[in-house]
Amino acid sequence: MMKILRYTGFDWDKGNLDKNWLKHKVSNAECEEVFFNQPLLIIKDEKHSQKEKRCHALGKTESGRLLFMSFTIRNNTIRIISARDMSKKEQKQYEKP
């Protein structure tokens, strides 16, 4: 588990701007909300970190929707790679005390 200490905002790839909405009905605003709500669980993604360091974020939106996201940090900004609803297994991991 790791903490996000500093970032200056979000970097949305123009080519993938609507990808999460089209595939999983997750808006960009919902993705951003997760990083401002607690609890927020950040886990290093060793499997997909060969070219750049990637992480997973498990968190909730303002409306309580539980999301799983893959992201990376570029130039002190968070770049969301993918976002979807948490699986049952991920929800159990997220809700552990």
PDB file of N, CA and C in Angstrom:
ATOM      1  N   MET A   1       0.852  -1.176   0.000  1.00  0.00           N
ATOM      2  CA  MET A   1       0.000   0.000   0.000  1.00  0.00           C
ATOM      3  C   MET A   1       0.896   1.238   0.000  1.00  0.00           C
ATOM      4  N   MET A   2       0.472   2.291  -0.651  1.00  0.00           N
ATOM      5  CA  MET A   2       1.250   3.531  -0.678  1.00  0.00           C
ATOM      6  C   MET A   2       0.321   4.728  -0.584  1.00  0.00           C
ATOM      7  N   LYS A   3       0.894   5.876  -0.297  1.00  0.00           N
ATOM      8  CA  LYS A   3       0.119   7.109  -0.206  1.00  0.00           C
ATOM      9  C   LYS A   3       0.492   8.030  -1.357  1.00  0.00           C
ATOM     10  N   ILE A   4      -0.484   8.771  -1.824  1.00  0.00           N
ATOM     11  CA  ILE A   4      -0.244   9.824  -2.803  1.00  0.00           C
ATOM     12  C   ILE A   4       0.075  11.071  -1.993  1.00  0.00           C
ATOM     13  N   LEU A   5       1.306  11.533  -2.067  1.00  0.00           N
ATOM     14  CA  LEU A   5       1.699  12.670  -1.241  1.00  0.00           C
ATOM     15  C   LEU A   5       1.459  14.002  -1.923  1.00  0.00           C
ATOM     16  N   ARG A   6       1.891  14.105  -3.180  1.00  0.00           N
ATOM     17  CA  ARG A   6       1.745  15.385  -3.875  1.00  0.00           C
ATOM     18  C   ARG A   6       1.323  15.169  -5.314  1.00  0.00           C
ATOM     19  N   TYR A   7       0.368  15.919  -5.722  1.00  0.00           N
ATOM     20  CA  TYR A   7       0.020  15.973  -7.136  1.00  0.00           C
ATOM     21  C   TYR A   7      -0.657  17.307  -7.373  1.00  0.00           C
ATOM     22  N   THR A   8      -0.587  17.749  -8.615  1.00  0.00           N
ATOM     23  CA  THR A   8      -1.098  19.087  -8.906  1.00  0.00           C
ATOM     24  C   THR A   8      -2.404  19.061  -9.692  1.00  0.00           C
ATOM     25  N   GLY A   9      -2.926  17.884  -9.961  1.00  0.00           N
ATOM     26  CA  GLY A   9      -4.175  17.791 -10.690  1.00  0.00           C
ATOM     27  C   GLY A   9      -4.254  16.493 -11.469  1.00  0.00           C
ATOM     28  N   PHE A  10      -5.088  16.498 -12.489  1.00  0.00           N
ATOM     29  CA  PHE A  10      -5.326  15.311 -13.302  1.00  0.00           C
ATOM     30  C   PHE A  10      -4.951  15.595 -14.743  1.00  0.00           C
ATOM     31  N   ASP A  11      -4.425  14.588 -15.399  1.00  0.00           N
ATOM     32  CA  ASP A  11      -4.019  14.680 -16.797  1.00  0.00           C
ATOM     33  C   ASP A  11      -4.867  13.678 -17.571  1.00  0.00           C
ATOM     34  N   TRP A  12      -5.785  14.179 -18.380  1.00  0.00           N
ATOM     35  CA  TRP A  12      -6.682  13.310 -19.142  1.00  0.00           C
ATOM     36  C   TRP A  12      -6.181  13.183 -20.567  1.00  0.00           C
ATOM     37  N   ASP A  13      -5.874  11.973 -20.976  1.00  0.00           N
ATOM     38  CA  ASP A  13      -5.414  11.680 -22.334  1.00  0.00           C
ATOM     39  C   ASP A  13      -6.552  11.976 -23.298  1.00  0.00           C
ATOM     40  N   LYS A  14      -6.305  12.843 -24.260  1.00  0.00           N
ATOM     41  CA  LYS A  14      -7.373  13.266 -25.191  1.00  0.00           C
ATOM     42  C   LYS A  14      -7.941  12.083 -25.987  1.00  0.00           C
ATOM     43  N   GLY A  15      -7.090  11.124 -26.323  1.00  0.00           N
ATOM     44  CA  GLY A  15      -7.549   9.961 -27.083  1.00  0.00           C
ATOM     45  C   GLY A  15      -8.423   9.013 -26.285  1.00  0.00           C
ATOM     46  N   ASN A  16      -8.293   9.052 -24.939  1.00  0.00           N
ATOM     47  CA  ASN A  16      -9.063   8.144 -24.080  1.00  0.00           C
ATOM     48  C   ASN A  16     -10.033   8.886 -23.167  1.00  0.00           C
ATOM     49  N   LEU A  17     -10.326  10.121 -23.484  1.00  0.00           N
ATOM     50  CA  LEU A  17     -11.119  10.977 -22.610  1.00  0.00           C
ATOM     51  C   LEU A  17     -12.462  10.362 -22.209  1.00  0.00           C
ATOM     52  N   ASP A  18     -13.125   9.687 -23.133  1.00  0.00           N
ATOM     53  CA  ASP A  18     -14.447   9.119 -22.863  1.00  0.00           C
ATOM     54  C   ASP A  18     -14.434   7.611 -22.688  1.00  0.00           C
ATOM     55  N   LYS A  19     -13.257   6.998 -22.674  1.00  0.00           N
ATOM     56  CA  LYS A  19     -13.144   5.530 -22.631  1.00  0.00           C
ATOM     57  C   LYS A  19     -13.850   4.919 -21.420  1.00  0.00           C
ATOM     58  N   ASN A  20     -13.631   5.461 -20.229  1.00  0.00           N
ATOM     59  CA  ASN A  20     -14.230   4.892 -19.024  1.00  0.00           C
ATOM     60  C   ASN A  20     -15.747   5.053 -19.011  1.00  0.00           C
ATOM     61  N   TRP A  21     -16.217   6.139 -19.593  1.00  0.00           N
ATOM     62  CA  TRP A  21     -17.669   6.338 -19.681  1.00  0.00           C
ATOM     63  C   TRP A  21     -18.288   5.334 -20.665  1.00  0.00           C
ATOM     64  N   LEU A  22     -17.673   5.187 -21.819  1.00  0.00           N
ATOM     65  CA  LEU A  22     -18.219   4.294 -22.839  1.00  0.00           C
ATOM     66  C   LEU A  22     -18.170   2.831 -22.400  1.00  0.00           C
ATOM     67  N   LYS A  23     -17.119   2.416 -21.724  1.00  0.00           N
ATOM     68  CA  LYS A  23     -16.971   1.018 -21.331  1.00  0.00           C
ATOM     69  C   LYS A  23     -17.683   0.673 -20.026  1.00  0.00           C
ATOM     70  N   HIS A  24     -17.636   1.598 -19.038  1.00  0.00           N
ATOM     71  CA  HIS A  24     -18.102   1.254 -17.691  1.00  0.00           C
ATOM     72  C   HIS A  24     -19.048   2.277 -17.069  1.00  0.00           C
ATOM     73  N   LYS A  25     -19.429   3.315 -17.833  1.00  0.00           N
ATOM     74  CA  LYS A  25     -20.310   4.377 -17.333  1.00  0.00           C
ATOM     75  C   LYS A  25     -19.737   5.062 -16.091  1.00  0.00           C
ATOM     76  N   VAL A  26     -18.397   5.281 -16.108  1.00  0.00           N
ATOM     77  CA  VAL A  26     -17.716   6.018 -15.049  1.00  0.00           C
ATOM     78  C   VAL A  26     -17.264   7.353 -15.640  1.00  0.00           C
ATOM     79  N   SER A  27     -17.732   8.445 -15.050  1.00  0.00           N
ATOM     80  CA  SER A  27     -17.361   9.770 -15.564  1.00  0.00           C
ATOM     81  C   SER A  27     -15.977  10.177 -15.049  1.00  0.00           C
ATOM     82  N   ASN A  28     -15.363  11.115 -15.740  1.00  0.00           N
ATOM     83  CA  ASN A  28     -14.073  11.638 -15.306  1.00  0.00           C
ATOM     84  C   ASN A  28     -14.201  12.315 -13.941  1.00  0.00           C
ATOM     85  N   ALA A  29     -15.302  12.992 -13.702  1.00  0.00           N
ATOM     86  CA  ALA A  29     -15.523  13.652 -12.410  1.00  0.00           C
ATOM     87  C   ALA A  29     -15.571  12.616 -11.282  1.00  0.00           C
ATOM     88  N   GLU A  30     -16.224  11.485 -11.515  1.00  0.00           N
ATOM     89  CA  GLU A  30     -16.272  10.433 -10.493  1.00  0.00           C
ATOM     90  C   GLU A  30     -14.867   9.915 -10.184  1.00  0.00           C
ATOM     91  N   CYS A  31     -14.056   9.736 -11.231  1.00  0.00           N
ATOM     92  CA  CYS A  31     -12.673   9.283 -11.034  1.00  0.00           C
ATOM     93  C   CYS A  31     -11.924  10.251 -10.124  1.00  0.00           C
ATOM     94  N   GLU A  32     -12.066  11.532 -10.377  1.00  0.00           N
ATOM     95  CA  GLU A  32     -11.357  12.535  -9.585  1.00  0.00           C
ATOM     96  C   GLU A  32     -11.855  12.563  -8.144  1.00  0.00           C
ATOM     97  N   GLU A  33     -13.161  12.394  -7.940  1.00  0.00           N
ATOM     98  CA  GLU A  33     -13.743  12.422  -6.589  1.00  0.00           C
ATOM     99  C   GLU A  33     -13.101  11.392  -5.677  1.00  0.00           C
ATOM    100  N   VAL A  34     -12.788  10.220  -6.218  1.00  0.00           N
ATOM    101  CA  VAL A  34     -12.234   9.128  -5.414  1.00  0.00           C
ATOM    102  C   VAL A  34     -10.988   9.572  -4.660  1.00  0.00           C
ATOM    103  N   PHE A  35     -10.156  10.409  -5.281  1.00  0.00           N
ATOM    104  CA  PHE A  35      -8.905  10.827  -4.663  1.00  0.00           C
ATOM    105  C   PHE A  35      -9.098  11.832  -3.528  1.00  0.00           C
ATOM    106  N   PHE A  36     -10.309  12.361  -3.371  1.00  0.00           N
ATOM    107  CA  PHE A  36     -10.588  13.340  -2.318  1.00  0.00           C
ATOM    108  C   PHE A  36     -11.430  12.756  -1.188  1.00  0.00           C
ATOM    109  N   ASN A  37     -11.814  11.484  -1.308  1.00  0.00           N
ATOM    110  CA  ASN A  37     -12.660  10.845  -0.305  1.00  0.00           C
ATOM    111  C   ASN A  37     -11.880   9.769   0.438  1.00  0.00           C
ATOM    112  N   GLN A  38     -12.294   9.532   1.659  1.00  0.00           N
ATOM    113  CA  GLN A  38     -11.680   8.497   2.490  1.00  0.00           C
ATOM    114  C   GLN A  38     -12.704   7.415   2.774  1.00  0.00           C
ATOM    115  N   PRO A  39     -12.286   6.186   2.940  1.00  0.00           N
ATOM    116  CA  PRO A  39     -10.909   5.743   2.778  1.00  0.00           C
ATOM    117  C   PRO A  39     -10.527   5.644   1.300  1.00  0.00           C
ATOM    118  N   LEU A  40      -9.240   5.811   1.048  1.00  0.00           N
ATOM    119  CA  LEU A  40      -8.661   5.648  -0.282  1.00  0.00           C
ATOM    120  C   LEU A  40      -7.524   4.660  -0.144  1.00  0.00           C
ATOM    121  N   LEU A  41      -7.614   3.557  -0.851  1.00  0.00           N
ATOM    122  CA  LEU A  41      -6.594   2.516  -0.804  1.00  0.00           C
ATOM    123  C   LEU A  41      -5.800   2.572  -2.099  1.00  0.00           C
ATOM    124  N   ILE A  42      -4.483   2.766  -1.979  1.00  0.00           N
ATOM    125  CA  ILE A  42      -3.591   2.824  -3.137  1.00  0.00           C
ATOM    126  C   ILE A  42      -2.657   1.618  -3.061  1.00  0.00           C
ATOM    127  N   ILE A  43      -2.602   0.856  -4.145  1.00  0.00           N
ATOM    128  CA  ILE A  43      -1.782  -0.360  -4.197  1.00  0.00           C
ATOM    129  C   ILE A  43      -0.901  -0.295  -5.435  1.00  0.00           C
ATOM    130  N   LYS A  44       0.396  -0.569  -5.272  1.00  0.00           N
ATOM    131  CA  LYS A  44       1.309  -0.613  -6.417  1.00  0.00           C
ATOM    132  C   LYS A  44       0.908  -1.749  -7.343  1.00  0.00           C
ATOM    133  N   ASP A  45       0.979  -1.493  -8.640  1.00  0.00           N
ATOM    134  CA  ASP A  45       0.676  -2.498  -9.661  1.00  0.00           C
ATOM    135  C   ASP A  45       1.996  -2.968 -10.276  1.00  0.00           C
ATOM    136  N   GLU A  46       2.647  -3.909  -9.606  1.00  0.00           N
ATOM    137  CA  GLU A  46       3.954  -4.402 -10.065  1.00  0.00           C
ATOM    138  C   GLU A  46       3.850  -5.065 -11.435  1.00  0.00           C
ATOM    139  N   LYS A  47       2.748  -5.761 -11.680  1.00  0.00           N
ATOM    140  CA  LYS A  47       2.577  -6.514 -12.926  1.00  0.00           C
ATOM    141  C   LYS A  47       2.611  -5.621 -14.171  1.00  0.00           C
ATOM    142  N   HIS A  48       2.065  -4.414 -14.067  1.00  0.00           N
ATOM    143  CA  HIS A  48       1.961  -3.520 -15.224  1.00  0.00           C
ATOM    144  C   HIS A  48       2.895  -2.311 -15.118  1.00  0.00           C
ATOM    145  N   SER A  49       3.962  -2.435 -14.347  1.00  0.00           N
ATOM    146  CA  SER A  49       4.858  -1.297 -14.117  1.00  0.00           C
ATOM    147  C   SER A  49       6.203  -1.420 -14.827  1.00  0.00           C
ATOM    148  N   GLN A  50       6.270  -2.160 -15.906  1.00  0.00           N
ATOM    149  CA  GLN A  50       7.546  -2.313 -16.605  1.00  0.00           C
ATOM    150  C   GLN A  50       7.984  -1.007 -17.277  1.00  0.00           C
ATOM    151  N   LYS A  51       7.092  -0.333 -17.980  1.00  0.00           N
ATOM    152  CA  LYS A  51       7.443   0.898 -18.697  1.00  0.00           C
ATOM    153  C   LYS A  51       7.321   2.131 -17.814  1.00  0.00           C
ATOM    154  N   GLU A  52       6.324   2.157 -16.945  1.00  0.00           N
ATOM    155  CA  GLU A  52       6.137   3.256 -16.004  1.00  0.00           C
ATOM    156  C   GLU A  52       5.464   2.696 -14.763  1.00  0.00           C
ATOM    157  N   LYS A  53       5.656   3.358 -13.630  1.00  0.00           N
ATOM    158  CA  LYS A  53       5.045   2.890 -12.389  1.00  0.00           C
ATOM    159  C   LYS A  53       3.546   3.116 -12.446  1.00  0.00           C
ATOM    160  N   ARG A  54       2.819   2.051 -12.158  1.00  0.00           N
ATOM    161  CA  ARG A  54       1.363   2.133 -12.135  1.00  0.00           C
ATOM    162  C   ARG A  54       0.840   1.705 -10.770  1.00  0.00           C
ATOM    163  N   CYS A  55      -0.337   2.197 -10.457  1.00  0.00           N
ATOM    164  CA  CYS A  55      -0.979   1.873  -9.186  1.00  0.00           C
ATOM    165  C   CYS A  55      -2.462   1.620  -9.418  1.00  0.00           C
ATOM    166  N   HIS A  56      -3.074   1.019  -8.411  1.00  0.00           N
ATOM    167  CA  HIS A  56      -4.524   0.860  -8.378  1.00  0.00           C
ATOM    168  C   HIS A  56      -5.044   1.735  -7.245  1.00  0.00           C
ATOM    169  N   ALA A  57      -6.186   2.320  -7.465  1.00  0.00           N
ATOM    170  CA  ALA A  57      -6.876   3.080  -6.417  1.00  0.00           C
ATOM    171  C   ALA A  57      -8.231   2.439  -6.193  1.00  0.00           C
ATOM    172  N   LEU A  58      -8.544   2.167  -4.934  1.00  0.00           N
ATOM    173  CA  LEU A  58      -9.856   1.690  -4.562  1.00  0.00           C
ATOM    174  C   LEU A  58     -10.462   2.752  -3.670  1.00  0.00           C
ATOM    175  N   GLY A  59     -11.605   3.274  -4.075  1.00  0.00           N
ATOM    176  CA  GLY A  59     -12.217   4.348  -3.310  1.00  0.00           C
ATOM    177  C   GLY A  59     -13.659   4.567  -3.688  1.00  0.00           C
ATOM    178  N   LYS A  60     -14.227   5.618  -3.117  1.00  0.00           N
ATOM    179  CA  LYS A  60     -15.649   5.883  -3.360  1.00  0.00           C
ATOM    180  C   LYS A  60     -15.867   7.310  -3.841  1.00  0.00           C
ATOM    181  N   THR A  61     -16.942   7.450  -4.608  1.00  0.00           N
ATOM    182  CA  THR A  61     -17.337   8.754  -5.133  1.00  0.00           C
ATOM    183  C   THR A  61     -18.192   9.485  -4.098  1.00  0.00           C
ATOM    184  N   GLU A  62     -18.559  10.716  -4.415  1.00  0.00           N
ATOM    185  CA  GLU A  62     -19.439  11.489  -3.528  1.00  0.00           C
ATOM    186  C   GLU A  62     -20.777  10.782  -3.305  1.00  0.00           C
ATOM    187  N   SER A  63     -21.246  10.044  -4.300  1.00  0.00           N
ATOM    188  CA  SER A  63     -22.530   9.345  -4.172  1.00  0.00           C
ATOM    189  C   SER A  63     -22.376   7.965  -3.540  1.00  0.00           C
ATOM    190  N   GLY A  64     -21.135   7.579  -3.185  1.00  0.00           N
ATOM    191  CA  GLY A  64     -20.911   6.291  -2.537  1.00  0.00           C
ATOM    192  C   GLY A  64     -20.599   5.145  -3.483  1.00  0.00           C
ATOM    193  N   ARG A  65     -20.473   5.423  -4.753  1.00  0.00           N
ATOM    194  CA  ARG A  65     -20.123   4.385  -5.737  1.00  0.00           C
ATOM    195  C   ARG A  65     -18.686   3.934  -5.492  1.00  0.00           C
ATOM    196  N   LEU A  66     -18.462   2.625  -5.422  1.00  0.00           N
ATOM    197  CA  LEU A  66     -17.140   2.077  -5.171  1.00  0.00           C
ATOM    198  C   LEU A  66     -16.438   1.804  -6.496  1.00  0.00           C
ATOM    199  N   LEU A  67     -15.283   2.442  -6.695  1.00  0.00           N
ATOM    200  CA  LEU A  67     -14.561   2.335  -7.958  1.00  0.00           C
ATOM    201  C   LEU A  67     -13.177   1.727  -7.778  1.00  0.00           C
ATOM    202  N   PHE A  68     -12.754   1.008  -8.801  1.00  0.00           N
ATOM    203  CA  PHE A  68     -11.399   0.495  -8.944  1.00  0.00           C
ATOM    204  C   PHE A  68     -10.794   1.219 -10.126  1.00  0.00           C
ATOM    205  N   MET A  69      -9.609   1.817  -9.927  1.00  0.00           N
ATOM    206  CA  MET A  69      -8.962   2.544 -11.019  1.00  0.00           C
ATOM    207  C   MET A  69      -7.494   2.161 -11.115  1.00  0.00           C
ATOM    208  N   SER A  70      -6.998   2.142 -12.330  1.00  0.00           N
ATOM    209  CA  SER A  70      -5.565   2.040 -12.583  1.00  0.00           C
ATOM    210  C   SER A  70      -5.111   3.426 -12.982  1.00  0.00           C
ATOM    211  N   PHE A  71      -3.934   3.833 -12.470  1.00  0.00           N
ATOM    212  CA  PHE A  71      -3.436   5.166 -12.792  1.00  0.00           C
ATOM    213  C   PHE A  71      -1.920   5.197 -12.703  1.00  0.00           C
ATOM    214  N   THR A  72      -1.357   6.267 -13.206  1.00  0.00           N
ATOM    215  CA  THR A  72       0.064   6.552 -13.089  1.00  0.00           C
ATOM    216  C   THR A  72       0.229   8.022 -12.742  1.00  0.00           C
ATOM    217  N   ILE A  73       1.412   8.388 -12.308  1.00  0.00           N
ATOM    218  CA  ILE A  73       1.717   9.793 -12.016  1.00  0.00           C
ATOM    219  C   ILE A  73       2.676  10.276 -13.095  1.00  0.00           C
ATOM    220  N   ARG A  74       2.322  11.359 -13.764  1.00  0.00           N
ATOM    221  CA  ARG A  74       3.183  11.975 -14.775  1.00  0.00           C
ATOM    222  C   ARG A  74       3.282  13.464 -14.486  1.00  0.00           C
ATOM    223  N   ASN A  75       4.512  13.938 -14.310  1.00  0.00           N
ATOM    224  CA  ASN A  75       4.742  15.367 -14.044  1.00  0.00           C
ATOM    225  C   ASN A  75       3.863  15.887 -12.918  1.00  0.00           C
ATOM    226  N   ASN A  76       3.800  15.153 -11.822  1.00  0.00           N
ATOM    227  CA  ASN A  76       3.008  15.523 -10.632  1.00  0.00           C
ATOM    228  C   ASN A  76       1.506  15.594 -10.890  1.00  0.00           C
ATOM    229  N   THR A  77       1.039  14.936 -11.941  1.00  0.00           N
ATOM    230  CA  THR A  77      -0.405  14.851 -12.183  1.00  0.00           C
ATOM    231  C   THR A  77      -0.814  13.384 -12.217  1.00  0.00           C
ATOM    232  N   ILE A  78      -2.057  13.133 -11.877  1.00  0.00           N
ATOM    233  CA  ILE A  78      -2.609  11.780 -11.901  1.00  0.00           C
ATOM    234  C   ILE A  78      -3.221  11.540 -13.265  1.00  0.00           C
ATOM    235  N   ARG A  79      -2.784  10.474 -13.928  1.00  0.00           N
ATOM    236  CA  ARG A  79      -3.353  10.095 -15.216  1.00  0.00           C
ATOM    237  C   ARG A  79      -4.102   8.782 -15.023  1.00  0.00           C
ATOM    238  N   ILE A  80      -5.427   8.835 -15.146  1.00  0.00           N
ATOM    239  CA  ILE A  80      -6.265   7.649 -15.018  1.00  0.00           C
ATOM    240  C   ILE A  80      -6.125   6.820 -16.285  1.00  0.00           C
ATOM    241  N   ILE A  81      -5.826   5.536 -16.107  1.00  0.00           N
ATOM    242  CA  ILE A  81      -5.695   4.628 -17.236  1.00  0.00           C
ATOM    243  C   ILE A  81      -7.017   3.915 -17.481  1.00  0.00           C
ATOM    244  N   SER A  82      -7.643   3.444 -16.407  1.00  0.00           N
ATOM    245  CA  SER A  82      -8.956   2.810 -16.539  1.00  0.00           C
ATOM    246  C   SER A  82      -9.702   2.908 -15.216  1.00  0.00           C
ATOM    247  N   ALA A  83     -11.022   2.856 -15.297  1.00  0.00           N
ATOM    248  CA  ALA A  83     -11.870   2.940 -14.109  1.00  0.00           C
ATOM    249  C   ALA A  83     -13.122   2.104 -14.334  1.00  0.00           C
ATOM    250  N   ARG A  84     -13.532   1.434 -13.256  1.00  0.00           N
ATOM    251  CA  ARG A  84     -14.731   0.595 -13.309  1.00  0.00           C
ATOM    252  C   ARG A  84     -15.237   0.391 -11.889  1.00  0.00           C
ATOM    253  N   ASP A  85     -16.425  -0.206 -11.768  1.00  0.00           N
ATOM    254  CA  ASP A  85     -16.938  -0.553 -10.444  1.00  0.00           C
ATOM    255  C   ASP A  85     -16.065  -1.652  -9.838  1.00  0.00           C
ATOM    256  N   MET A  86     -15.924  -1.629  -8.513  1.00  0.00           N
ATOM    257  CA  MET A  86     -15.152  -2.659  -7.828  1.00  0.00           C
ATOM    258  C   MET A  86     -15.841  -4.011  -7.939  1.00  0.00           C
ATOM    259  N   SER A  87     -15.034  -5.061  -8.025  1.00  0.00           N
ATOM    260  CA  SER A  87     -15.562  -6.428  -7.957  1.00  0.00           C
ATOM    261  C   SER A  87     -15.864  -6.738  -6.490  1.00  0.00           C
ATOM    262  N   LYS A  88     -16.551  -7.844  -6.228  1.00  0.00           N
ATOM    263  CA  LYS A  88     -16.849  -8.257  -4.843  1.00  0.00           C
ATOM    264  C   LYS A  88     -15.557  -8.476  -4.064  1.00  0.00           C
ATOM    265  N   LYS A  89     -14.569  -9.096  -4.697  1.00  0.00           N
ATOM    266  CA  LYS A  89     -13.273  -9.343  -4.050  1.00  0.00           C
ATOM    267  C   LYS A  89     -12.581  -8.030  -3.690  1.00  0.00           C
ATOM    268  N   GLU A  90     -12.614  -7.057  -4.602  1.00  0.00           N
ATOM    269  CA  GLU A  90     -12.009  -5.753  -4.350  1.00  0.00           C
ATOM    270  C   GLU A  90     -12.756  -5.009  -3.239  1.00  0.00           C
ATOM    271  N   GLN A  91     -14.084  -5.155  -3.200  1.00  0.00           N
ATOM    272  CA  GLN A  91     -14.867  -4.511  -2.133  1.00  0.00           C
ATOM    273  C   GLN A  91     -14.454  -5.058  -0.771  1.00  0.00           C
ATOM    274  N   LYS A  92     -14.245  -6.372  -0.674  1.00  0.00           N
ATOM    275  CA  LYS A  92     -13.815  -6.967   0.589  1.00  0.00           C
ATOM    276  C   LYS A  92     -12.451  -6.436   1.002  1.00  0.00           C
ATOM    277  N   GLN A  93     -11.541  -6.306   0.046  1.00  0.00           N
ATOM    278  CA  GLN A  93     -10.206  -5.767   0.321  1.00  0.00           C
ATOM    279  C   GLN A  93     -10.310  -4.310   0.786  1.00  0.00           C
ATOM    280  N   TYR A  94     -11.156  -3.544   0.137  1.00  0.00           N
ATOM    281  CA  TYR A  94     -11.337  -2.132   0.451  1.00  0.00           C
ATOM    282  C   TYR A  94     -11.950  -1.940   1.832  1.00  0.00           C
ATOM    283  N   GLU A  95     -12.868  -2.813   2.203  1.00  0.00           N
ATOM    284  CA  GLU A  95     -13.601  -2.651   3.452  1.00  0.00           C
ATOM    285  C   GLU A  95     -12.918  -3.283   4.647  1.00  0.00           C
ATOM    286  N   LYS A  96     -11.735  -3.901   4.457  1.00  0.00           N
ATOM    287  CA  LYS A  96     -10.986  -4.467   5.578  1.00  0.00           C
ATOM    288  C   LYS A  96     -10.612  -3.362   6.554  1.00  0.00           C
ATOM    289  N   PRO A  97     -10.737  -3.645   7.868  1.00  0.00           N
ATOM    290  CA  PRO A  97     -10.358  -2.614   8.854  1.00  0.00           C
ATOM    291  C   PRO A  97      -8.853  -2.376   8.879  1.00  0.00           C
TER     292      PRO A  97
END
